[in-house]
Amino acid sequence: MATLFRPALCLMLLMTAITGVIYPLSVTAIAQLAFPDQANGSLVRDAGGAVSGSVLIAQPFTGDTWFHPRPSAGAYATVSSAASNLAPSNPALATRIKDSAAEWAVPGQGPVPLAMLTTSGSGLDPHLPPEAIRYQLARVATARGLPLQALEQLLQRHIERPLVGPPVVNVLLLNQALAQLEK
């Protein structure tokens, strides 16, 4: 029995050391050296150096003075990040979208962009298409007393064109630039 137990225990300890200690530490070290910003969460800091968010995670912004991200099924909490899992045939989804469309509708601007009404797969996508931001320009310009053209220029500077996929705007970075615009 001891002849079977000892090698099994040694193999278990060796594999635990390799997969539970050596491999994670080496991957962490490589990530810290090669991609320190991404390895540490892609954090965004304000002028004082305090962390104000991450470029990877949407945050709620309330009030007419800010650009709003897409809705979140998990209230923008990373712990409960997920889609709502409501089927297109679910009346609760149709009601939520109808209520959101009524809330965000701006007379004379046409229908509310779909990206402002639907959640992303993770519920935390920080990006919106430029059209969804453009839909909010008049509201933000009026609330802040800024010329519409200034906000359009700000939007143009924050459009990201990924290698694959359509252009997007990171709402957190856009709102941070908006806050700096008034200073």
C-alpha atoms as a PDB file:
ATOM      1  CA  MET A   1       0.000   0.000   0.000  1.00  0.00           C
ATOM      2  CA  ALA A   2       2.818   2.410   0.857  1.00  0.00           C
ATOM      3  CA  THR A   3       4.398   1.712  -2.517  1.00  0.00           C
ATOM      4  CA  LEU A   4       1.286   3.144  -4.202  1.00  0.00           C
ATOM      5  CA  PHE A   5       0.545   5.923  -1.740  1.00  0.00           C
ATOM      6  CA  ARG A   6       3.987   7.593  -1.730  1.00  0.00           C
ATOM      7  CA  PRO A   7       4.312   8.079  -5.538  1.00  0.00           C
ATOM      8  CA  ALA A   8       0.689   9.262  -5.743  1.00  0.00           C
ATOM      9  CA  LEU A   9       1.252  11.816  -2.978  1.00  0.00           C
ATOM     10  CA  CYS A  10       4.530  13.013  -4.546  1.00  0.00           C
ATOM     11  CA  LEU A  11       2.878  13.379  -7.958  1.00  0.00           C
ATOM     12  CA  MET A  12      -0.044  15.271  -6.436  1.00  0.00           C
ATOM     13  CA  LEU A  13       2.318  17.673  -4.612  1.00  0.00           C
ATOM     14  CA  LEU A  14       4.428  18.165  -7.752  1.00  0.00           C
ATOM     15  CA  MET A  15       1.404  18.901  -9.958  1.00  0.00           C
ATOM     16  CA  THR A  16      -0.041  21.217  -7.299  1.00  0.00           C
ATOM     17  CA  ALA A  17       3.241  23.129  -7.193  1.00  0.00           C
ATOM     18  CA  ILE A  18       3.437  23.369 -10.989  1.00  0.00           C
ATOM     19  CA  THR A  19      -0.194  24.218 -11.755  1.00  0.00           C
ATOM     20  CA  GLY A  20      -1.043  26.065  -8.545  1.00  0.00           C
ATOM     21  CA  VAL A  21       2.126  28.063  -7.924  1.00  0.00           C
ATOM     22  CA  ILE A  22       4.779  28.054 -10.641  1.00  0.00           C
ATOM     23  CA  TYR A  23       2.505  28.475 -13.675  1.00  0.00           C
ATOM     24  CA  PRO A  24       0.285  31.251 -12.209  1.00  0.00           C
ATOM     25  CA  LEU A  25       3.305  33.175 -10.921  1.00  0.00           C
ATOM     26  CA  SER A  26       5.118  32.917 -14.257  1.00  0.00           C
ATOM     27  CA  VAL A  27       2.039  34.053 -16.224  1.00  0.00           C
ATOM     28  CA  THR A  28       1.549  36.945 -13.792  1.00  0.00           C
ATOM     29  CA  ALA A  29       5.213  37.957 -14.111  1.00  0.00           C
ATOM     30  CA  ILE A  30       5.104  37.863 -17.909  1.00  0.00           C
ATOM     31  CA  ALA A  31       1.862  39.872 -17.952  1.00  0.00           C
ATOM     32  CA  GLN A  32       3.304  42.485 -15.575  1.00  0.00           C
ATOM     33  CA  LEU A  33       6.395  42.869 -17.753  1.00  0.00           C
ATOM     34  CA  ALA A  34       4.772  42.776 -21.185  1.00  0.00           C
ATOM     35  CA  PHE A  35       1.359  44.360 -20.516  1.00  0.00           C
ATOM     36  CA  PRO A  36       1.421  46.146 -17.130  1.00  0.00           C
ATOM     37  CA  ASP A  37      -1.607  48.370 -17.806  1.00  0.00           C
ATOM     38  CA  GLN A  38      -3.832  45.517 -18.936  1.00  0.00           C
ATOM     39  CA  ALA A  39      -2.551  43.142 -16.232  1.00  0.00           C
ATOM     40  CA  ASN A  40      -3.575  45.648 -13.583  1.00  0.00           C
ATOM     41  CA  GLY A  41      -7.115  46.145 -14.883  1.00  0.00           C
ATOM     42  CA  SER A  42      -6.704  48.990 -17.414  1.00  0.00           C
ATOM     43  CA  LEU A  43      -7.488  51.482 -14.683  1.00  0.00           C
ATOM     44  CA  VAL A  44      -8.420  55.079 -15.417  1.00  0.00           C
ATOM     45  CA  ARG A  45      -7.186  57.709 -12.981  1.00  0.00           C
ATOM     46  CA  ASP A  46      -8.344  61.277 -12.506  1.00  0.00           C
ATOM     47  CA  ALA A  47      -6.056  64.308 -12.356  1.00  0.00           C
ATOM     48  CA  GLY A  48      -5.387  63.628  -8.656  1.00  0.00           C
ATOM     49  CA  GLY A  49      -4.299  60.049  -9.352  1.00  0.00           C
ATOM     50  CA  ALA A  50      -7.378  58.431  -7.802  1.00  0.00           C
ATOM     51  CA  VAL A  51      -8.864  55.481  -9.678  1.00  0.00           C
ATOM     52  CA  SER A  52     -12.124  56.474 -11.333  1.00  0.00           C
ATOM     53  CA  GLY A  53     -12.813  53.269 -13.237  1.00  0.00           C
ATOM     54  CA  SER A  54     -11.554  50.889 -15.866  1.00  0.00           C
ATOM     55  CA  VAL A  55     -11.710  51.291 -19.634  1.00  0.00           C
ATOM     56  CA  LEU A  56     -12.994  47.707 -19.734  1.00  0.00           C
ATOM     57  CA  ILE A  57     -16.083  48.113 -17.540  1.00  0.00           C
ATOM     58  CA  ALA A  58     -19.099  50.356 -18.046  1.00  0.00           C
ATOM     59  CA  GLN A  59     -20.188  52.627 -15.242  1.00  0.00           C
ATOM     60  CA  PRO A  60     -23.501  54.275 -14.559  1.00  0.00           C
ATOM     61  CA  PHE A  61     -23.786  57.989 -15.255  1.00  0.00           C
ATOM     62  CA  THR A  62     -26.944  59.782 -14.222  1.00  0.00           C
ATOM     63  CA  GLY A  63     -28.300  63.173 -15.099  1.00  0.00           C
ATOM     64  CA  ASP A  64     -28.530  65.069 -18.337  1.00  0.00           C
ATOM     65  CA  THR A  65     -24.996  66.447 -18.041  1.00  0.00           C
ATOM     66  CA  TRP A  66     -23.372  63.091 -18.835  1.00  0.00           C
ATOM     67  CA  PHE A  67     -23.336  60.645 -21.713  1.00  0.00           C
ATOM     68  CA  HIS A  68     -25.026  57.438 -20.620  1.00  0.00           C
ATOM     69  CA  PRO A  69     -23.760  53.929 -21.408  1.00  0.00           C
ATOM     70  CA  ARG A  70     -25.901  51.043 -22.549  1.00  0.00           C
ATOM     71  CA  PRO A  71     -28.090  49.480 -19.847  1.00  0.00           C
ATOM     72  CA  SER A  72     -26.623  46.799 -17.602  1.00  0.00           C
ATOM     73  CA  ALA A  73     -28.425  43.607 -16.630  1.00  0.00           C
ATOM     74  CA  GLY A  74     -26.347  43.455 -13.436  1.00  0.00           C
ATOM     75  CA  ALA A  75     -26.464  47.118 -12.356  1.00  0.00           C
ATOM     76  CA  TYR A  76     -22.849  47.579 -13.568  1.00  0.00           C
ATOM     77  CA  ALA A  77     -21.566  45.261 -10.819  1.00  0.00           C
ATOM     78  CA  THR A  78     -18.723  43.008 -11.919  1.00  0.00           C
ATOM     79  CA  VAL A  79     -19.779  40.239  -9.556  1.00  0.00           C
ATOM     80  CA  SER A  80     -23.104  39.747 -11.304  1.00  0.00           C
ATOM     81  CA  SER A  81     -21.886  40.424 -14.818  1.00  0.00           C
ATOM     82  CA  ALA A  82     -24.067  38.599 -17.300  1.00  0.00           C
ATOM     83  CA  ALA A  83     -26.786  39.089 -19.813  1.00  0.00           C
ATOM     84  CA  SER A  84     -30.357  39.241 -18.574  1.00  0.00           C
ATOM     85  CA  ASN A  85     -31.115  35.927 -20.309  1.00  0.00           C
ATOM     86  CA  LEU A  86     -34.545  37.224 -21.251  1.00  0.00           C
ATOM     87  CA  ALA A  87     -35.695  35.669 -24.509  1.00  0.00           C
ATOM     88  CA  PRO A  88     -36.902  37.968 -27.299  1.00  0.00           C
ATOM     89  CA  SER A  89     -40.363  36.526 -26.696  1.00  0.00           C
ATOM     90  CA  ASN A  90     -40.307  37.418 -22.976  1.00  0.00           C
ATOM     91  CA  PRO A  91     -42.823  40.178 -22.162  1.00  0.00           C
ATOM     92  CA  ALA A  92     -40.488  41.556 -19.436  1.00  0.00           C
ATOM     93  CA  LEU A  93     -37.819  42.296 -22.063  1.00  0.00           C
ATOM     94  CA  ALA A  94     -40.303  43.985 -24.372  1.00  0.00           C
ATOM     95  CA  THR A  95     -41.621  46.085 -21.475  1.00  0.00           C
ATOM     96  CA  ARG A  96     -38.119  47.104 -20.358  1.00  0.00           C
ATOM     97  CA  ILE A  97     -37.112  48.137 -23.874  1.00  0.00           C
ATOM     98  CA  LYS A  98     -40.375  50.015 -24.442  1.00  0.00           C
ATOM     99  CA  ASP A  99     -39.979  51.871 -21.128  1.00  0.00           C
ATOM    100  CA  SER A 100     -36.327  52.710 -21.872  1.00  0.00           C
ATOM    101  CA  ALA A 101     -37.229  53.931 -25.349  1.00  0.00           C
ATOM    102  CA  ALA A 102     -39.913  56.206 -23.898  1.00  0.00           C
ATOM    103  CA  GLU A 103     -37.478  57.527 -21.285  1.00  0.00           C
ATOM    104  CA  TRP A 104     -34.671  58.263 -23.764  1.00  0.00           C
ATOM    105  CA  ALA A 105     -36.772  59.452 -26.702  1.00  0.00           C
ATOM    106  CA  VAL A 106     -35.978  62.955 -27.906  1.00  0.00           C
ATOM    107  CA  PRO A 107     -38.702  64.577 -30.010  1.00  0.00           C
ATOM    108  CA  GLY A 108     -37.539  65.246 -33.542  1.00  0.00           C
ATOM    109  CA  GLN A 109     -34.451  63.005 -33.320  1.00  0.00           C
ATOM    110  CA  GLY A 110     -35.984  59.795 -34.572  1.00  0.00           C
ATOM    111  CA  PRO A 111     -35.938  56.454 -32.795  1.00  0.00           C
ATOM    112  CA  VAL A 112     -33.575  55.796 -29.883  1.00  0.00           C
ATOM    113  CA  PRO A 113     -30.523  53.818 -31.073  1.00  0.00           C
ATOM    114  CA  LEU A 114     -30.824  50.138 -30.243  1.00  0.00           C
ATOM    115  CA  ALA A 115     -27.480  50.124 -28.401  1.00  0.00           C
ATOM    116  CA  MET A 116     -28.966  52.458 -25.790  1.00  0.00           C
ATOM    117  CA  LEU A 117     -31.849  50.063 -25.161  1.00  0.00           C
ATOM    118  CA  THR A 118     -30.199  46.636 -25.114  1.00  0.00           C
ATOM    119  CA  THR A 119     -27.636  45.195 -22.720  1.00  0.00           C
ATOM    120  CA  SER A 120     -24.397  43.629 -23.865  1.00  0.00           C
ATOM    121  CA  GLY A 121     -23.539  39.972 -23.353  1.00  0.00           C
ATOM    122  CA  SER A 122     -21.560  40.743 -20.209  1.00  0.00           C
ATOM    123  CA  GLY A 123     -23.779  43.586 -19.070  1.00  0.00           C
ATOM    124  CA  LEU A 124     -20.613  45.662 -18.664  1.00  0.00           C
ATOM    125  CA  ASP A 125     -19.639  46.755 -22.180  1.00  0.00           C
ATOM    126  CA  PRO A 126     -18.192  50.280 -21.848  1.00  0.00           C
ATOM    127  CA  HIS A 127     -18.593  51.098 -25.544  1.00  0.00           C
ATOM    128  CA  LEU A 128     -21.389  52.559 -27.613  1.00  0.00           C
ATOM    129  CA  PRO A 129     -21.538  53.174 -31.346  1.00  0.00           C
ATOM    130  CA  PRO A 130     -20.892  56.822 -32.308  1.00  0.00           C
ATOM    131  CA  GLU A 131     -24.537  57.133 -33.437  1.00  0.00           C
ATOM    132  CA  ALA A 132     -25.747  56.368 -29.890  1.00  0.00           C
ATOM    133  CA  ILE A 133     -23.470  59.090 -28.518  1.00  0.00           C
ATOM    134  CA  ARG A 134     -24.583  61.502 -31.250  1.00  0.00           C
ATOM    135  CA  TYR A 135     -28.180  60.894 -30.175  1.00  0.00           C
ATOM    136  CA  GLN A 136     -27.242  62.212 -26.708  1.00  0.00           C
ATOM    137  CA  LEU A 137     -25.278  65.280 -27.892  1.00  0.00           C
ATOM    138  CA  ALA A 138     -28.168  67.746 -27.818  1.00  0.00           C
ATOM    139  CA  ARG A 139     -29.216  66.715 -24.303  1.00  0.00           C
ATOM    140  CA  VAL A 140     -25.686  67.040 -22.898  1.00  0.00           C
ATOM    141  CA  ALA A 141     -25.000  70.306 -24.755  1.00  0.00           C
ATOM    142  CA  THR A 142     -28.197  71.858 -23.405  1.00  0.00           C
ATOM    143  CA  ALA A 143     -27.596  70.652 -19.844  1.00  0.00           C
ATOM    144  CA  ARG A 144     -24.017  71.916 -19.795  1.00  0.00           C
ATOM    145  CA  GLY A 145     -24.580  75.079 -21.807  1.00  0.00           C
ATOM    146  CA  LEU A 146     -21.975  74.030 -24.367  1.00  0.00           C
ATOM    147  CA  PRO A 147     -22.117  74.479 -28.125  1.00  0.00           C
ATOM    148  CA  LEU A 148     -23.171  71.336 -29.964  1.00  0.00           C
ATOM    149  CA  GLN A 149     -20.141  71.675 -32.252  1.00  0.00           C
ATOM    150  CA  ALA A 150     -17.737  71.435 -29.277  1.00  0.00           C
ATOM    151  CA  LEU A 151     -19.320  68.148 -28.202  1.00  0.00           C
ATOM    152  CA  GLU A 152     -19.256  66.827 -31.760  1.00  0.00           C
ATOM    153  CA  GLN A 153     -15.502  67.540 -31.893  1.00  0.00           C
ATOM    154  CA  LEU A 154     -15.053  65.810 -28.538  1.00  0.00           C
ATOM    155  CA  LEU A 155     -16.926  62.801 -29.880  1.00  0.00           C
ATOM    156  CA  GLN A 156     -14.774  62.693 -33.017  1.00  0.00           C
ATOM    157  CA  ARG A 157     -11.607  62.610 -30.888  1.00  0.00           C
ATOM    158  CA  HIS A 158     -12.923  59.649 -28.889  1.00  0.00           C
ATOM    159  CA  ILE A 159     -14.079  57.364 -31.691  1.00  0.00           C
ATOM    160  CA  GLU A 160     -12.051  54.152 -31.580  1.00  0.00           C
ATOM    161  CA  ARG A 161     -11.682  52.091 -34.731  1.00  0.00           C
ATOM    162  CA  PRO A 162     -10.831  48.537 -33.694  1.00  0.00           C
ATOM    163  CA  LEU A 163      -9.057  46.150 -36.040  1.00  0.00           C
ATOM    164  CA  VAL A 164     -12.250  44.094 -36.290  1.00  0.00           C
ATOM    165  CA  GLY A 165     -15.755  45.467 -35.895  1.00  0.00           C
ATOM    166  CA  PRO A 166     -17.458  48.829 -36.172  1.00  0.00           C
ATOM    167  CA  PRO A 167     -16.243  52.104 -34.628  1.00  0.00           C
ATOM    168  CA  VAL A 168     -17.051  52.555 -30.934  1.00  0.00           C
ATOM    169  CA  VAL A 169     -16.760  55.179 -28.197  1.00  0.00           C
ATOM    170  CA  ASN A 170     -15.712  54.420 -24.619  1.00  0.00           C
ATOM    171  CA  VAL A 171     -18.318  56.275 -22.541  1.00  0.00           C
ATOM    172  CA  LEU A 172     -16.129  56.587 -19.419  1.00  0.00           C
ATOM    173  CA  LEU A 173     -13.244  58.165 -21.337  1.00  0.00           C
ATOM    174  CA  LEU A 174     -15.649  60.465 -23.178  1.00  0.00           C
ATOM    175  CA  ASN A 175     -17.221  61.619 -19.898  1.00  0.00           C
ATOM    176  CA  GLN A 176     -13.801  62.217 -18.372  1.00  0.00           C
ATOM    177  CA  ALA A 177     -12.863  64.383 -21.352  1.00  0.00           C
ATOM    178  CA  LEU A 178     -16.202  66.157 -20.989  1.00  0.00           C
ATOM    179  CA  ALA A 179     -15.397  66.966 -17.358  1.00  0.00           C
ATOM    180  CA  GLN A 180     -11.998  68.357 -18.430  1.00  0.00           C
ATOM    181  CA  LEU A 181     -13.626  70.428 -21.189  1.00  0.00           C
ATOM    182  CA  GLU A 182     -15.229  72.741 -18.635  1.00  0.00           C
ATOM    183  CA  LYS A 183     -12.078  73.301 -16.573  1.00  0.00           C
END
